[in-house]
C-alpha atoms as a PDB file:
ATOM      1  CA  MET A   1      14.911  38.383 -36.797  1.00  0.00           C
ATOM      2  CA  ALA A   2      12.769  37.595 -39.837  1.00  0.00           C
ATOM      3  CA  HIS A   3       9.112  38.549 -39.770  1.00  0.00           C
ATOM      4  CA  PRO A   4       6.999  36.503 -42.190  1.00  0.00           C
ATOM      5  CA  SER A   5       3.723  37.936 -43.375  1.00  0.00           C
ATOM      6  CA  PRO A   6       0.603  37.332 -41.248  1.00  0.00           C
ATOM      7  CA  ALA A   7      -0.979  35.943 -44.412  1.00  0.00           C
ATOM      8  CA  GLU A   8       1.117  32.774 -44.168  1.00  0.00           C
ATOM      9  CA  ALA A   9      -0.800  29.574 -43.361  1.00  0.00           C
ATOM     10  CA  PRO A  10      -1.006  28.621 -39.665  1.00  0.00           C
ATOM     11  CA  LEU A  11       1.397  26.026 -38.373  1.00  0.00           C
ATOM     12  CA  GLU A  12      -0.296  22.694 -37.738  1.00  0.00           C
ATOM     13  CA  PRO A  13      -0.021  21.279 -34.198  1.00  0.00           C
ATOM     14  CA  ALA A  14       2.467  18.455 -33.738  1.00  0.00           C
ATOM     15  CA  GLY A  15       0.185  15.482 -33.209  1.00  0.00           C
ATOM     16  CA  SER A  16      -3.440  15.636 -32.178  1.00  0.00           C
ATOM     17  CA  LEU A  17      -4.700  18.346 -29.868  1.00  0.00           C
ATOM     18  CA  LEU A  18      -5.138  17.087 -26.337  1.00  0.00           C
ATOM     19  CA  ALA A  19      -8.472  17.497 -24.570  1.00  0.00           C
ATOM     20  CA  ALA A  20      -9.474  20.275 -26.924  1.00  0.00           C
ATOM     21  CA  SER A  21     -12.908  19.358 -28.232  1.00  0.00           C
ATOM     22  CA  PHE A  22     -14.522  22.597 -27.053  1.00  0.00           C
ATOM     23  CA  PHE A  23     -11.811  24.872 -28.420  1.00  0.00           C
ATOM     24  CA  GLU A  24     -11.650  22.910 -31.665  1.00  0.00           C
ATOM     25  CA  SER A  25     -15.361  23.564 -32.158  1.00  0.00           C
ATOM     26  CA  LEU A  26     -14.720  27.319 -32.288  1.00  0.00           C
ATOM     27  CA  PRO A  27     -13.754  29.108 -35.510  1.00  0.00           C
ATOM     28  CA  TRP A  28     -10.030  29.482 -36.213  1.00  0.00           C
ATOM     29  CA  PRO A  29      -9.156  32.017 -35.019  1.00  0.00           C
ATOM     30  CA  ALA A  30     -11.630  32.365 -32.186  1.00  0.00           C
ATOM     31  CA  TRP A  31     -11.889  35.927 -30.906  1.00  0.00           C
ATOM     32  CA  PHE A  32     -12.386  36.556 -27.180  1.00  0.00           C
ATOM     33  CA  GLY A  33     -13.583  40.119 -26.656  1.00  0.00           C
ATOM     34  CA  ILE A  34     -12.313  41.677 -23.420  1.00  0.00           C
ATOM     35  CA  LEU A  35     -14.845  43.248 -21.071  1.00  0.00           C
ATOM     36  CA  ASN A  36     -13.190  44.534 -17.908  1.00  0.00           C
ATOM     37  CA  VAL A  37     -15.650  45.512 -15.188  1.00  0.00           C
ATOM     38  CA  THR A  38     -12.988  46.966 -12.901  1.00  0.00           C
ATOM     39  CA  PRO A  39     -12.083  50.478 -11.795  1.00  0.00           C
ATOM     40  CA  ASP A  40      -8.356  49.961 -12.408  1.00  0.00           C
ATOM     41  CA  SER A  41      -7.542  47.804 -15.447  1.00  0.00           C
ATOM     42  CA  PHE A  42      -4.530  49.138 -17.354  1.00  0.00           C
ATOM     43  CA  SER A  43      -6.240  50.437 -20.502  1.00  0.00           C
ATOM     44  CA  ASP A  44      -9.970  50.579 -19.838  1.00  0.00           C
ATOM     45  CA  GLY A  45     -10.358  50.663 -16.065  1.00  0.00           C
ATOM     46  CA  GLY A  46     -13.563  52.445 -15.128  1.00  0.00           C
ATOM     47  CA  PHE A  47     -15.054  52.431 -18.642  1.00  0.00           C
ATOM     48  CA  TYR A  48     -17.524  49.704 -17.670  1.00  0.00           C
ATOM     49  CA  PHE A  49     -17.460  50.141 -13.889  1.00  0.00           C
ATOM     50  CA  PRO A  50     -19.769  50.593 -12.042  1.00  0.00           C
ATOM     51  CA  GLN A  51     -21.644  48.054 -14.087  1.00  0.00           C
ATOM     52  CA  GLY A  52     -24.538  49.201 -16.230  1.00  0.00           C
ATOM     53  CA  SER A  53     -25.842  49.327 -19.738  1.00  0.00           C
ATOM     54  CA  ALA A  54     -22.394  50.308 -21.041  1.00  0.00           C
ATOM     55  CA  SER A  55     -21.148  46.752 -20.368  1.00  0.00           C
ATOM     56  CA  VAL A  56     -23.937  45.192 -22.412  1.00  0.00           C
ATOM     57  CA  SER A  57     -23.541  47.743 -25.203  1.00  0.00           C
ATOM     58  CA  ARG A  58     -19.825  47.076 -25.409  1.00  0.00           C
ATOM     59  CA  ALA A  59     -20.368  43.304 -25.513  1.00  0.00           C
ATOM     60  CA  GLN A  60     -22.965  43.701 -28.246  1.00  0.00           C
ATOM     61  CA  ALA A  61     -20.528  45.811 -30.267  1.00  0.00           C
ATOM     62  CA  LEU A  62     -17.783  43.209 -29.862  1.00  0.00           C
ATOM     63  CA  VAL A  63     -20.077  40.426 -31.046  1.00  0.00           C
ATOM     64  CA  ALA A  64     -21.315  42.487 -33.985  1.00  0.00           C
ATOM     65  CA  ALA A  65     -17.682  43.067 -35.003  1.00  0.00           C
ATOM     66  CA  GLY A  66     -16.716  39.396 -34.894  1.00  0.00           C
ATOM     67  CA  ALA A  67     -16.093  38.311 -31.283  1.00  0.00           C
ATOM     68  CA  HIS A  68     -17.124  34.709 -30.590  1.00  0.00           C
ATOM     69  CA  VAL A  69     -16.743  34.837 -26.804  1.00  0.00           C
ATOM     70  CA  ILE A  70     -17.030  37.678 -24.282  1.00  0.00           C
ATOM     71  CA  ASP A  71     -14.344  37.448 -21.594  1.00  0.00           C
ATOM     72  CA  VAL A  72     -15.529  39.186 -18.420  1.00  0.00           C
ATOM     73  CA  GLY A  73     -13.024  40.152 -15.729  1.00  0.00           C
ATOM     74  CA  GLY A  74     -13.663  41.673 -12.325  1.00  0.00           C
ATOM     75  CA  VAL A  75     -10.104  41.856 -10.971  1.00  0.00           C
ATOM     76  CA  SER A  76      -7.315  43.875 -12.557  1.00  0.00           C
ATOM     77  CA  THR A  77      -4.119  41.930 -13.243  1.00  0.00           C
ATOM     78  CA  ARG A  78      -2.121  44.882 -14.558  1.00  0.00           C
ATOM     79  CA  PRO A  79       1.456  45.131 -13.245  1.00  0.00           C
ATOM     80  CA  GLY A  80       1.378  46.335  -9.652  1.00  0.00           C
ATOM     81  CA  SER A  81      -2.286  45.500  -9.063  1.00  0.00           C
ATOM     82  CA  LYS A  82      -3.482  43.983  -5.797  1.00  0.00           C
ATOM     83  CA  ASP A  83      -5.874  41.084  -5.389  1.00  0.00           C
ATOM     84  CA  ILE A  84      -9.360  41.631  -3.950  1.00  0.00           C
ATOM     85  CA  PRO A  85     -11.664  39.383  -1.874  1.00  0.00           C
ATOM     86  CA  HIS A  86     -13.637  36.916  -3.977  1.00  0.00           C
ATOM     87  CA  ALA A  87     -16.905  38.296  -2.581  1.00  0.00           C
ATOM     88  CA  GLN A  88     -16.022  41.711  -4.005  1.00  0.00           C
ATOM     89  CA  GLU A  89     -15.088  40.152  -7.338  1.00  0.00           C
ATOM     90  CA  TRP A  90     -18.395  38.264  -7.466  1.00  0.00           C
ATOM     91  CA  ALA A  91     -20.303  41.459  -6.706  1.00  0.00           C
ATOM     92  CA  ARG A  92     -18.630  43.060  -9.737  1.00  0.00           C
ATOM     93  CA  VAL A  93     -19.082  40.269 -12.268  1.00  0.00           C
ATOM     94  CA  ARG A  94     -22.451  38.777 -11.308  1.00  0.00           C
ATOM     95  CA  PRO A  95     -24.703  41.612 -12.563  1.00  0.00           C
ATOM     96  CA  VAL A  96     -22.723  41.838 -15.801  1.00  0.00           C
ATOM     97  CA  LEU A  97     -22.867  38.096 -16.455  1.00  0.00           C
ATOM     98  CA  GLU A  98     -26.600  38.079 -15.734  1.00  0.00           C
ATOM     99  CA  ALA A  99     -27.188  41.043 -18.052  1.00  0.00           C
ATOM    100  CA  LEU A 100     -25.132  39.459 -20.822  1.00  0.00           C
ATOM    101  CA  ARG A 101     -26.990  36.140 -20.540  1.00  0.00           C
ATOM    102  CA  ALA A 102     -30.262  38.024 -20.936  1.00  0.00           C
ATOM    103  CA  ALA A 103     -29.148  40.316 -23.763  1.00  0.00           C
ATOM    104  CA  LEU A 104     -26.934  37.846 -25.675  1.00  0.00           C
ATOM    105  CA  PRO A 105     -28.402  34.399 -24.962  1.00  0.00           C
ATOM    106  CA  GLY A 106     -26.503  32.655 -27.760  1.00  0.00           C
ATOM    107  CA  VAL A 107     -23.085  34.121 -26.980  1.00  0.00           C
ATOM    108  CA  LEU A 108     -20.464  32.224 -24.993  1.00  0.00           C
ATOM    109  CA  LEU A 109     -19.233  33.849 -21.791  1.00  0.00           C
ATOM    110  CA  SER A 110     -15.728  33.424 -20.428  1.00  0.00           C
ATOM    111  CA  LEU A 111     -14.909  34.399 -16.849  1.00  0.00           C
ATOM    112  CA  ASP A 112     -11.423  35.803 -16.324  1.00  0.00           C
ATOM    113  CA  THR A 113     -10.879  34.736 -12.721  1.00  0.00           C
ATOM    114  CA  SER A 114      -8.370  32.893 -10.579  1.00  0.00           C
ATOM    115  CA  SER A 115     -10.792  32.499  -7.692  1.00  0.00           C
ATOM    116  CA  PRO A 116     -12.270  29.004  -7.327  1.00  0.00           C
ATOM    117  CA  SER A 117     -15.084  30.505  -5.246  1.00  0.00           C
ATOM    118  CA  THR A 118     -16.037  33.117  -7.836  1.00  0.00           C
ATOM    119  CA  LEU A 119     -15.856  30.555 -10.633  1.00  0.00           C
ATOM    120  CA  ALA A 120     -17.988  28.079  -8.694  1.00  0.00           C
ATOM    121  CA  ARG A 121     -20.697  30.655  -8.006  1.00  0.00           C
ATOM    122  CA  ALA A 122     -20.823  31.625 -11.662  1.00  0.00           C
ATOM    123  CA  ALA A 123     -20.934  27.984 -12.759  1.00  0.00           C
ATOM    124  CA  GLU A 124     -23.674  27.111 -10.287  1.00  0.00           C
ATOM    125  CA  ALA A 125     -25.736  30.028 -11.621  1.00  0.00           C
ATOM    126  CA  GLY A 126     -25.178  28.953 -15.236  1.00  0.00           C
ATOM    127  CA  LEU A 127     -23.395  32.223 -16.033  1.00  0.00           C
ATOM    128  CA  VAL A 128     -20.092  30.949 -17.426  1.00  0.00           C
ATOM    129  CA  ASP A 129     -19.089  28.763 -20.391  1.00  0.00           C
ATOM    130  CA  VAL A 130     -15.280  29.018 -20.215  1.00  0.00           C
ATOM    131  CA  ALA A 131     -12.838  29.614 -17.337  1.00  0.00           C
ATOM    132  CA  ASN A 132      -9.786  31.806 -17.969  1.00  0.00           C
ATOM    133  CA  ASP A 133      -7.293  31.495 -15.098  1.00  0.00           C
ATOM    134  CA  VAL A 134      -4.106  33.593 -15.177  1.00  0.00           C
ATOM    135  CA  TRP A 135      -2.889  31.767 -12.046  1.00  0.00           C
ATOM    136  CA  ALA A 136      -3.291  28.398 -13.805  1.00  0.00           C
ATOM    137  CA  GLY A 137      -4.987  26.641 -10.906  1.00  0.00           C
ATOM    138  CA  ARG A 138      -2.439  27.615  -8.256  1.00  0.00           C
ATOM    139  CA  LYS A 139      -4.915  29.360  -5.958  1.00  0.00           C
ATOM    140  CA  ARG A 140      -6.865  27.335  -3.415  1.00  0.00           C
ATOM    141  CA  GLU A 141     -10.050  28.557  -1.698  1.00  0.00           C
ATOM    142  CA  ASP A 142     -12.327  26.501   0.519  1.00  0.00           C
ATOM    143  CA  GLY A 143     -10.166  23.473  -0.191  1.00  0.00           C
ATOM    144  CA  ARG A 144     -10.445  23.539  -3.985  1.00  0.00           C
ATOM    145  CA  THR A 145      -8.833  24.993  -7.092  1.00  0.00           C
ATOM    146  CA  THR A 146     -10.228  26.206 -10.392  1.00  0.00           C
ATOM    147  CA  PHE A 147      -9.215  22.831 -11.831  1.00  0.00           C
ATOM    148  CA  GLU A 148     -11.631  21.033  -9.531  1.00  0.00           C
ATOM    149  CA  VAL A 149     -14.406  23.541 -10.229  1.00  0.00           C
ATOM    150  CA  CYS A 150     -13.943  23.147 -13.981  1.00  0.00           C
ATOM    151  CA  ALA A 151     -13.992  19.367 -13.698  1.00  0.00           C
ATOM    152  CA  GLU A 152     -17.130  19.417 -11.551  1.00  0.00           C
ATOM    153  CA  HIS A 153     -19.017  21.677 -13.966  1.00  0.00           C
ATOM    154  CA  ALA A 154     -17.461  20.403 -17.231  1.00  0.00           C
ATOM    155  CA  LEU A 155     -16.028  23.830 -18.015  1.00  0.00           C
ATOM    156  CA  PRO A 156     -13.310  24.356 -20.631  1.00  0.00           C
ATOM    157  CA  LEU A 157     -10.232  25.993 -19.111  1.00  0.00           C
ATOM    158  CA  ILE A 158      -7.486  28.357 -20.238  1.00  0.00           C
ATOM    159  CA  VAL A 159      -4.258  28.188 -18.209  1.00  0.00           C
ATOM    160  CA  MET A 160      -1.728  31.014 -18.424  1.00  0.00           C
ATOM    161  CA  HIS A 161       1.947  31.406 -17.579  1.00  0.00           C
ATOM    162  CA  MET A 162       2.856  34.166 -15.110  1.00  0.00           C
ATOM    163  CA  ARG A 163       6.165  34.655 -13.353  1.00  0.00           C
ATOM    164  CA  GLY A 164       5.383  35.859  -9.822  1.00  0.00           C
ATOM    165  CA  GLU A 165       2.056  37.597  -9.291  1.00  0.00           C
ATOM    166  CA  PRO A 166       0.495  40.793 -10.666  1.00  0.00           C
ATOM    167  CA  SER A 167       1.641  42.982  -7.781  1.00  0.00           C
ATOM    168  CA  THR A 168       5.320  42.110  -8.328  1.00  0.00           C
ATOM    169  CA  MET A 169       5.597  40.347 -11.704  1.00  0.00           C
ATOM    170  CA  GLN A 170       7.284  43.198 -13.602  1.00  0.00           C
ATOM    171  CA  LEU A 171       9.559  44.536 -10.861  1.00  0.00           C
ATOM    172  CA  GLY A 172      12.406  42.210 -11.720  1.00  0.00           C
ATOM    173  CA  ALA A 173      11.958  42.703 -15.435  1.00  0.00           C
ATOM    174  CA  GLN A 174      11.994  46.481 -15.084  1.00  0.00           C
ATOM    175  CA  SER A 175      15.105  46.511 -12.933  1.00  0.00           C
ATOM    176  CA  LEU A 176      16.884  44.123 -15.277  1.00  0.00           C
ATOM    177  CA  ALA A 177      15.899  46.110 -18.344  1.00  0.00           C
ATOM    178  CA  SER A 178      17.721  49.167 -16.986  1.00  0.00           C
ATOM    179  CA  GLU A 179      21.008  47.280 -16.656  1.00  0.00           C
ATOM    180  CA  PRO A 180      23.265  45.396 -19.091  1.00  0.00           C
ATOM    181  CA  GLN A 181      21.883  41.892 -19.532  1.00  0.00           C
ATOM    182  CA  THR A 182      23.727  38.654 -18.886  1.00  0.00           C
ATOM    183  CA  ALA A 183      22.308  35.134 -18.868  1.00  0.00           C
ATOM    184  CA  SER A 184      22.790  34.862 -15.108  1.00  0.00           C
ATOM    185  CA  GLU A 185      20.874  38.089 -14.425  1.00  0.00           C
ATOM    186  CA  SER A 186      17.842  37.222 -16.525  1.00  0.00           C
ATOM    187  CA  TRP A 187      14.716  35.722 -15.037  1.00  0.00           C
ATOM    188  CA  TYR A 188      14.851  33.098 -17.758  1.00  0.00           C
ATOM    189  CA  THR A 189      17.697  31.021 -19.056  1.00  0.00           C
ATOM    190  CA  ASP A 190      15.423  30.084 -21.958  1.00  0.00           C
ATOM    191  CA  CYS A 191      12.079  31.883 -21.766  1.00  0.00           C
ATOM    192  CA  VAL A 192      10.297  29.800 -24.402  1.00  0.00           C
ATOM    193  CA  ALA A 193      11.431  26.485 -22.937  1.00  0.00           C
ATOM    194  CA  GLU A 194      10.543  27.506 -19.376  1.00  0.00           C
ATOM    195  CA  VAL A 195       7.119  28.849 -20.329  1.00  0.00           C
ATOM    196  CA  CYS A 196       6.389  25.687 -22.317  1.00  0.00           C
ATOM    197  CA  ALA A 197       7.469  23.473 -19.407  1.00  0.00           C
ATOM    198  CA  PHE A 198       5.213  25.386 -17.020  1.00  0.00           C
ATOM    199  CA  LEU A 199       2.202  25.242 -19.330  1.00  0.00           C
ATOM    200  CA  SER A 200       2.727  21.560 -20.054  1.00  0.00           C
ATOM    201  CA  GLU A 201       2.831  20.790 -16.327  1.00  0.00           C
ATOM    202  CA  ARG A 202      -0.219  22.922 -15.518  1.00  0.00           C
ATOM    203  CA  ALA A 203      -2.267  21.482 -18.389  1.00  0.00           C
ATOM    204  CA  ALA A 204      -1.346  17.951 -17.332  1.00  0.00           C
ATOM    205  CA  ALA A 205      -2.326  18.775 -13.740  1.00  0.00           C
ATOM    206  CA  ALA A 206      -5.691  20.090 -14.944  1.00  0.00           C
ATOM    207  CA  ARG A 207      -6.269  16.939 -16.975  1.00  0.00           C
ATOM    208  CA  SER A 208      -5.398  14.793 -13.967  1.00  0.00           C
ATOM    209  CA  GLN A 209      -8.117  16.627 -12.031  1.00  0.00           C
ATOM    210  CA  GLY A 210     -10.681  15.819 -14.712  1.00  0.00           C
ATOM    211  CA  VAL A 211     -10.665  18.938 -16.892  1.00  0.00           C
ATOM    212  CA  GLN A 212     -11.491  17.803 -20.436  1.00  0.00           C
ATOM    213  CA  SER A 213     -10.961  20.900 -22.601  1.00  0.00           C
ATOM    214  CA  ILE A 214      -7.803  22.939 -22.100  1.00  0.00           C
ATOM    215  CA  ALA A 215      -6.101  25.820 -23.915  1.00  0.00           C
ATOM    216  CA  ILE A 216      -2.780  27.455 -23.030  1.00  0.00           C
ATOM    217  CA  ASP A 217      -1.696  31.100 -22.886  1.00  0.00           C
ATOM    218  CA  PRO A 218       2.004  32.090 -22.665  1.00  0.00           C
ATOM    219  CA  GLY A 219       1.111  35.228 -20.698  1.00  0.00           C
ATOM    220  CA  ILE A 220       2.493  38.027 -22.845  1.00  0.00           C
ATOM    221  CA  GLY A 221       3.516  40.856 -20.507  1.00  0.00           C
ATOM    222  CA  PHE A 222       3.099  38.821 -17.324  1.00  0.00           C
ATOM    223  CA  GLY A 223       6.529  38.836 -15.700  1.00  0.00           C
ATOM    224  CA  LYS A 224       8.372  39.202 -18.997  1.00  0.00           C
ATOM    225  CA  GLN A 225      10.780  41.636 -20.599  1.00  0.00           C
ATOM    226  CA  LEU A 226      10.483  42.882 -24.167  1.00  0.00           C
ATOM    227  CA  SER A 227      12.911  40.228 -25.399  1.00  0.00           C
ATOM    228  CA  ASP A 228      10.894  37.498 -23.666  1.00  0.00           C
ATOM    229  CA  ASN A 229       7.645  38.631 -25.278  1.00  0.00           C
ATOM    230  CA  LEU A 230       9.279  38.765 -28.703  1.00  0.00           C
ATOM    231  CA  ALA A 231      10.770  35.297 -28.254  1.00  0.00           C
ATOM    232  CA  LEU A 232       7.382  33.823 -27.399  1.00  0.00           C
ATOM    233  CA  LEU A 233       5.693  35.560 -30.340  1.00  0.00           C
ATOM    234  CA  SER A 234       8.356  34.587 -32.857  1.00  0.00           C
ATOM    235  CA  ARG A 235       7.787  31.756 -35.329  1.00  0.00           C
ATOM    236  CA  ASP A 236      10.047  29.474 -33.275  1.00  0.00           C
ATOM    237  CA  GLY A 237       8.343  30.442 -30.028  1.00  0.00           C
ATOM    238  CA  MET A 238       4.871  29.901 -31.399  1.00  0.00           C
ATOM    239  CA  GLU A 239       5.916  26.608 -32.962  1.00  0.00           C
ATOM    240  CA  ALA A 240       7.127  25.393 -29.546  1.00  0.00           C
ATOM    241  CA  LEU A 241       3.848  26.404 -27.909  1.00  0.00           C
ATOM    242  CA  VAL A 242       1.737  24.770 -30.618  1.00  0.00           C
ATOM    243  CA  ALA A 243       3.827  21.606 -30.342  1.00  0.00           C
ATOM    244  CA  LEU A 244       2.589  21.102 -26.759  1.00  0.00           C
ATOM    245  CA  GLY A 245      -0.643  19.861 -28.325  1.00  0.00           C
ATOM    246  CA  TYR A 246      -3.099  22.324 -26.804  1.00  0.00           C
ATOM    247  CA  PRO A 247      -4.857  25.232 -28.530  1.00  0.00           C
ATOM    248  CA  VAL A 248      -2.795  28.396 -28.010  1.00  0.00           C
ATOM    249  CA  LEU A 249      -4.381  31.664 -26.887  1.00  0.00           C
ATOM    250  CA  ILE A 250      -2.513  34.918 -27.434  1.00  0.00           C
ATOM    251  CA  GLY A 251      -3.459  38.011 -25.429  1.00  0.00           C
ATOM    252  CA  LEU A 252      -1.221  40.918 -26.424  1.00  0.00           C
ATOM    253  CA  SER A 253      -3.801  43.644 -26.938  1.00  0.00           C
ATOM    254  CA  ARG A 254      -2.540  47.091 -25.932  1.00  0.00           C
ATOM    255  CA  LYS A 255       0.342  45.604 -23.934  1.00  0.00           C
ATOM    256  CA  ARG A 256       3.269  47.746 -22.847  1.00  0.00           C
ATOM    257  CA  PHE A 257       5.758  45.818 -24.977  1.00  0.00           C
ATOM    258  CA  LEU A 258       4.122  47.395 -28.032  1.00  0.00           C
ATOM    259  CA  ALA A 259       5.033  50.829 -26.658  1.00  0.00           C
ATOM    260  CA  GLU A 260       8.559  49.634 -25.856  1.00  0.00           C
ATOM    261  CA  LEU A 261       8.871  48.316 -29.386  1.00  0.00           C
ATOM    262  CA  GLU A 262       7.582  51.576 -30.835  1.00  0.00           C
ATOM    263  CA  ALA A 263      10.347  53.385 -28.978  1.00  0.00           C
ATOM    264  CA  THR A 264      12.937  51.447 -31.003  1.00  0.00           C
ATOM    265  CA  ARG A 265      11.837  53.116 -34.247  1.00  0.00           C
ATOM    266  CA  PRO A 266      13.933  56.020 -35.586  1.00  0.00           C
ATOM    267  CA  SER A 267      10.788  58.174 -35.433  1.00  0.00           C
ATOM    268  CA  PRO A 268       8.503  56.723 -32.737  1.00  0.00           C
ATOM    269  CA  ARG A 269       4.814  57.500 -33.025  1.00  0.00           C
ATOM    270  CA  VAL A 270       4.286  59.319 -29.744  1.00  0.00           C
ATOM    271  CA  GLN A 271       0.619  58.440 -29.253  1.00  0.00           C
ATOM    272  CA  ILE A 272       1.232  54.697 -29.611  1.00  0.00           C
ATOM    273  CA  ALA A 273       4.076  54.870 -27.112  1.00  0.00           C
ATOM    274  CA  ALA A 274       2.078  56.920 -24.607  1.00  0.00           C
ATOM    275  CA  GLU A 275      -1.529  55.691 -24.779  1.00  0.00           C
ATOM    276  CA  ALA A 276      -2.688  52.091 -24.420  1.00  0.00           C
ATOM    277  CA  THR A 277      -5.877  52.712 -26.394  1.00  0.00           C
ATOM    278  CA  ALA A 278      -3.791  54.018 -29.326  1.00  0.00           C
ATOM    279  CA  ARG A 279      -2.195  50.583 -29.713  1.00  0.00           C
ATOM    280  CA  ASP A 280      -5.251  48.844 -31.182  1.00  0.00           C
ATOM    281  CA  ALA A 281      -4.087  48.852 -34.817  1.00  0.00           C
ATOM    282  CA  VAL A 282      -0.579  47.641 -34.019  1.00  0.00           C
ATOM    283  CA  SER A 283      -2.163  45.037 -31.713  1.00  0.00           C
ATOM    284  CA  LYS A 284      -4.216  43.797 -34.640  1.00  0.00           C
ATOM    285  CA  ALA A 285      -1.083  43.367 -36.760  1.00  0.00           C
ATOM    286  CA  TRP A 286       0.628  41.311 -34.052  1.00  0.00           C
ATOM    287  CA  GLU A 287      -2.531  39.287 -33.468  1.00  0.00           C
ATOM    288  CA  ALA A 288      -2.745  38.435 -37.183  1.00  0.00           C
ATOM    289  CA  ARG A 289       0.895  37.408 -37.110  1.00  0.00           C
ATOM    290  CA  SER A 290       0.249  35.161 -34.087  1.00  0.00           C
ATOM    291  CA  VAL A 291      -2.595  33.446 -35.918  1.00  0.00           C
ATOM    292  CA  ALA A 292      -0.330  32.955 -38.937  1.00  0.00           C
ATOM    293  CA  PHE A 293       2.138  31.265 -36.586  1.00  0.00           C
ATOM    294  CA  GLY A 294      -0.468  28.902 -35.112  1.00  0.00           C
ATOM    295  CA  ALA A 295      -2.533  30.678 -32.440  1.00  0.00           C
ATOM    296  CA  ARG A 296      -6.113  29.380 -32.362  1.00  0.00           C
ATOM    297  CA  ILE A 297      -7.531  31.987 -29.991  1.00  0.00           C
ATOM    298  CA  VAL A 298      -6.994  35.745 -29.753  1.00  0.00           C
ATOM    299  CA  ARG A 299      -8.052  37.691 -26.667  1.00  0.00           C
ATOM    300  CA  SER A 300      -8.390  41.374 -27.508  1.00  0.00           C
ATOM    301  CA  HIS A 301      -9.968  44.674 -26.558  1.00  0.00           C
ATOM    302  CA  ARG A 302     -11.114  45.123 -30.166  1.00  0.00           C
ATOM    303  CA  ALA A 303     -12.870  42.618 -32.402  1.00  0.00           C
ATOM    304  CA  PRO A 304     -11.501  42.136 -35.930  1.00  0.00           C
ATOM    305  CA  GLY A 305     -14.242  44.229 -37.540  1.00  0.00           C
ATOM    306  CA  GLU A 306     -13.483  47.273 -35.400  1.00  0.00           C
ATOM    307  CA  VAL A 307      -9.843  48.068 -36.256  1.00  0.00           C
ATOM    308  CA  ALA A 308      -7.620  47.314 -39.260  1.00  0.00           C
ATOM    309  CA  PRO A 309      -4.043  46.090 -38.658  1.00  0.00           C
ATOM    310  CA  ASP A 310      -1.315  48.728 -38.646  1.00  0.00           C
ATOM    311  CA  PRO A 311       0.457  48.481 -42.034  1.00  0.00           C
ATOM    312  CA  GLU A 312       3.691  49.811 -40.491  1.00  0.00           C
ATOM    313  CA  ALA A 313       3.842  47.329 -37.614  1.00  0.00           C
ATOM    314  CA  PHE A 314       6.668  45.328 -39.188  1.00  0.00           C
ATOM    315  CA  ASP A 315       8.291  48.052 -41.271  1.00  0.00           C
ATOM    316  CA  THR A 316      11.972  47.128 -40.998  1.00  0.00           C
ATOM    317  CA  GLU A 317      13.006  50.003 -43.253  1.00  0.00           C
ATOM    318  CA  LYS A 318      12.038  52.331 -40.414  1.00  0.00           C
ATOM    319  CA  GLY A 319      13.980  50.339 -37.856  1.00  0.00           C
ATOM    320  CA  HIS A 320      11.075  48.447 -36.388  1.00  0.00           C
ATOM    321  CA  LEU A 321      11.677  44.838 -35.411  1.00  0.00           C
END
């Protein structure tokens, strides 16, 4: 597989972007800085929970280093995680959103939630500017979905692909990865085509409900094997996503596939393979490559001014893909 330089010009979308006025108004690339206010997120669980001044300080640091949007999440979606009641989620995110509005009044806030109830409460309080839904509008609470909440409050929406749900999404992939692969055993006959079909359908459903600004996220690491993640992040994969006509968000920061990829090197760097927080530099290299291939939005634990890309991320002489 060839790996062009991240410095290459971004691919242009095929045709005009659909319902993307909000996302088009952001810089290219737009950086969404991750702020998890959970006790159990995969790489930073507990760092900013219970909520306090640390959350605001971290958001301020992200903005100072180049983040355009702060993406606040109150429910872990790491592999194996369990959902929580929306009242508990709201209790986690509300004080943080309020504190961020006060401390960073000119900064856009994204809410990483799949709960229509949580999203509605945040919207009614004026505490959210963008909705980021990893379930892509498939949850219904009190008779409504996040699509309907976004339409009612004119919120831009990000829809993501996920096979299964967080508690079970990687079980099949892990069991398959330990056995010889055949087309019939794989979760996907054609991962890129199936992810694109899902995102196209979900975006169209959101538009039919009245959502005006939509971006799509292929869900790197959400119910996917290493080969699936690499296919989606390849030039061909990114070109297929861009061709759907919606701004593409890539969220690969610190993901496990980076550790799995590191293990394929003749001399793996142990820290990168073992520690999620040690993957920031290699994440930055993959993020830059995604932007070169057409991604408009990058969701990351580190803003671009905080960490330089790993110069060895695509070093084929050392056996790395």
